[in-house]
Amino acid sequence: MHAFLGAFRHGLKSVFTTLLFSLVGFVIVGGAYKFGETRLISFFKTHPSLLEPTIFFAIALPILSTLALFLAIIGYIAGLINRLRKRG
């Protein structure tokens, strides 16, 4: 919701900020998988109770990052239409 309102009010500046944070979310999940796979596997062997929350985090973070970016783009378009309507 904040991504939508920020893009609606402030335009592309807010969309780019949201894009940056979305990419950070993907990099965190991808980097943890790529560079820490063997470390994560050994960690989950010793602490199996943390497997489910970690999987939830690994699935939810990219989905929510994509949703925030999608809402920011929609907010930017809606704000652009609103600003053009006020001019004319």
C-alpha atoms as a PDB file:
ATOM      1  CA  MET A   1       0.000   0.000   0.000  1.00  0.00           C
ATOM      2  CA  HIS A   2       2.843   2.382   0.781  1.00  0.00           C
ATOM      3  CA  ALA A   3       4.431   1.611  -2.568  1.00  0.00           C
ATOM      4  CA  PHE A   4       1.185   2.516  -4.321  1.00  0.00           C
ATOM      5  CA  LEU A   5       0.721   5.787  -2.439  1.00  0.00           C
ATOM      6  CA  GLY A   6       4.357   6.767  -2.756  1.00  0.00           C
ATOM      7  CA  ALA A   7       4.352   6.219  -6.507  1.00  0.00           C
ATOM      8  CA  PHE A   8       1.006   7.981  -6.811  1.00  0.00           C
ATOM      9  CA  ARG A   9       2.307  11.078  -5.030  1.00  0.00           C
ATOM     10  CA  HIS A  10       5.994  11.175  -5.937  1.00  0.00           C
ATOM     11  CA  GLY A  11       6.183   9.437  -9.315  1.00  0.00           C
ATOM     12  CA  LEU A  12       9.140   7.560 -10.738  1.00  0.00           C
ATOM     13  CA  LYS A  13      11.405   8.349  -7.803  1.00  0.00           C
ATOM     14  CA  SER A  14       9.285   6.132  -5.593  1.00  0.00           C
ATOM     15  CA  VAL A  15       8.925   3.437  -8.267  1.00  0.00           C
ATOM     16  CA  PHE A  16      12.709   3.180  -8.597  1.00  0.00           C
ATOM     17  CA  THR A  17      13.089   2.957  -4.826  1.00  0.00           C
ATOM     18  CA  THR A  18      10.540   0.148  -4.736  1.00  0.00           C
ATOM     19  CA  LEU A  19      12.329  -1.573  -7.623  1.00  0.00           C
ATOM     20  CA  LEU A  20      15.609  -1.346  -5.726  1.00  0.00           C
ATOM     21  CA  PHE A  21      14.131  -2.903  -2.590  1.00  0.00           C
ATOM     22  CA  SER A  22      12.434  -5.612  -4.650  1.00  0.00           C
ATOM     23  CA  LEU A  23      15.742  -6.518  -6.236  1.00  0.00           C
ATOM     24  CA  VAL A  24      17.360  -6.631  -2.804  1.00  0.00           C
ATOM     25  CA  GLY A  25      14.737  -9.177  -1.723  1.00  0.00           C
ATOM     26  CA  PHE A  26      15.476 -11.376  -4.718  1.00  0.00           C
ATOM     27  CA  VAL A  27      19.237 -11.057  -4.198  1.00  0.00           C
ATOM     28  CA  ILE A  28      18.945 -12.091  -0.550  1.00  0.00           C
ATOM     29  CA  VAL A  29      17.006 -15.247  -1.366  1.00  0.00           C
ATOM     30  CA  GLY A  30      19.086 -16.084  -4.443  1.00  0.00           C
ATOM     31  CA  GLY A  31      22.380 -15.390  -2.693  1.00  0.00           C
ATOM     32  CA  ALA A  32      21.422 -17.503   0.285  1.00  0.00           C
ATOM     33  CA  TYR A  33      20.642 -20.379  -2.050  1.00  0.00           C
ATOM     34  CA  LYS A  34      23.626 -19.956  -4.367  1.00  0.00           C
ATOM     35  CA  PHE A  35      26.366 -19.289  -1.841  1.00  0.00           C
ATOM     36  CA  GLY A  36      25.025 -20.900   1.303  1.00  0.00           C
ATOM     37  CA  GLU A  37      23.356 -24.071   0.080  1.00  0.00           C
ATOM     38  CA  THR A  38      25.684 -26.544   1.809  1.00  0.00           C
ATOM     39  CA  ARG A  39      25.787 -24.410   4.938  1.00  0.00           C
ATOM     40  CA  LEU A  40      21.974 -24.220   5.009  1.00  0.00           C
ATOM     41  CA  ILE A  41      21.642 -27.973   4.550  1.00  0.00           C
ATOM     42  CA  SER A  42      23.959 -28.691   7.462  1.00  0.00           C
ATOM     43  CA  PHE A  43      22.150 -26.058   9.549  1.00  0.00           C
ATOM     44  CA  PHE A  44      18.772 -27.675   8.871  1.00  0.00           C
ATOM     45  CA  LYS A  45      20.148 -31.091   9.765  1.00  0.00           C
ATOM     46  CA  THR A  46      21.022 -29.786  13.209  1.00  0.00           C
ATOM     47  CA  HIS A  47      17.925 -27.534  13.590  1.00  0.00           C
ATOM     48  CA  PRO A  48      15.082 -29.125  11.611  1.00  0.00           C
ATOM     49  CA  SER A  49      12.449 -26.991  13.344  1.00  0.00           C
ATOM     50  CA  LEU A  50      13.698 -23.921  11.435  1.00  0.00           C
ATOM     51  CA  LEU A  51      13.173 -25.478   8.013  1.00  0.00           C
ATOM     52  CA  GLU A  52       9.510 -24.535   7.680  1.00  0.00           C
ATOM     53  CA  PRO A  53       9.895 -20.840   8.642  1.00  0.00           C
ATOM     54  CA  THR A  54      12.884 -20.531   6.316  1.00  0.00           C
ATOM     55  CA  ILE A  55      10.975 -22.022   3.386  1.00  0.00           C
ATOM     56  CA  PHE A  56       8.078 -19.680   4.122  1.00  0.00           C
ATOM     57  CA  PHE A  57      10.486 -16.719   4.138  1.00  0.00           C
ATOM     58  CA  ALA A  58      12.149 -17.870   0.914  1.00  0.00           C
ATOM     59  CA  ILE A  59       8.763 -18.073  -0.820  1.00  0.00           C
ATOM     60  CA  ALA A  60       7.073 -15.041   0.743  1.00  0.00           C
ATOM     61  CA  LEU A  61       9.881 -12.508   0.252  1.00  0.00           C
ATOM     62  CA  PRO A  62      10.013 -12.670  -3.571  1.00  0.00           C
ATOM     63  CA  ILE A  63       6.218 -12.803  -3.846  1.00  0.00           C
ATOM     64  CA  LEU A  64       5.743  -9.758  -1.613  1.00  0.00           C
ATOM     65  CA  SER A  65       8.567  -7.901  -3.342  1.00  0.00           C
ATOM     66  CA  THR A  66       6.928  -8.501  -6.710  1.00  0.00           C
ATOM     67  CA  LEU A  67       3.558  -7.434  -5.339  1.00  0.00           C
ATOM     68  CA  ALA A  68       5.012  -4.184  -3.980  1.00  0.00           C
ATOM     69  CA  LEU A  69       6.639  -3.434  -7.337  1.00  0.00           C
ATOM     70  CA  PHE A  70       3.382  -4.199  -9.163  1.00  0.00           C
ATOM     71  CA  LEU A  71       1.449  -1.872  -6.848  1.00  0.00           C
ATOM     72  CA  ALA A  72       4.065   0.858  -7.301  1.00  0.00           C
ATOM     73  CA  ILE A  73       3.735   0.667 -11.079  1.00  0.00           C
ATOM     74  CA  ILE A  74      -0.053   0.831 -10.835  1.00  0.00           C
ATOM     75  CA  GLY A  75       0.216   3.757  -8.410  1.00  0.00           C
ATOM     76  CA  TYR A  76       2.561   5.591 -10.785  1.00  0.00           C
ATOM     77  CA  ILE A  77       0.152   5.125 -13.693  1.00  0.00           C
ATOM     78  CA  ALA A  78      -2.805   6.230 -11.577  1.00  0.00           C
ATOM     79  CA  GLY A  79      -0.889   9.277 -10.350  1.00  0.00           C
ATOM     80  CA  LEU A  80       0.162  10.125 -13.898  1.00  0.00           C
ATOM     81  CA  ILE A  81      -3.459   9.992 -15.057  1.00  0.00           C
ATOM     82  CA  ASN A  82      -4.505  12.106 -12.071  1.00  0.00           C
ATOM     83  CA  ARG A  83      -1.838  14.743 -12.756  1.00  0.00           C
ATOM     84  CA  LEU A  84      -2.721  14.875 -16.461  1.00  0.00           C
ATOM     85  CA  ARG A  85      -6.415  15.245 -15.635  1.00  0.00           C
ATOM     86  CA  LYS A  86      -5.688  18.188 -13.287  1.00  0.00           C
ATOM     87  CA  ARG A  87      -3.696  19.966 -16.001  1.00  0.00           C
ATOM     88  CA  GLY A  88      -6.355  19.750 -18.684  1.00  0.00           C
END
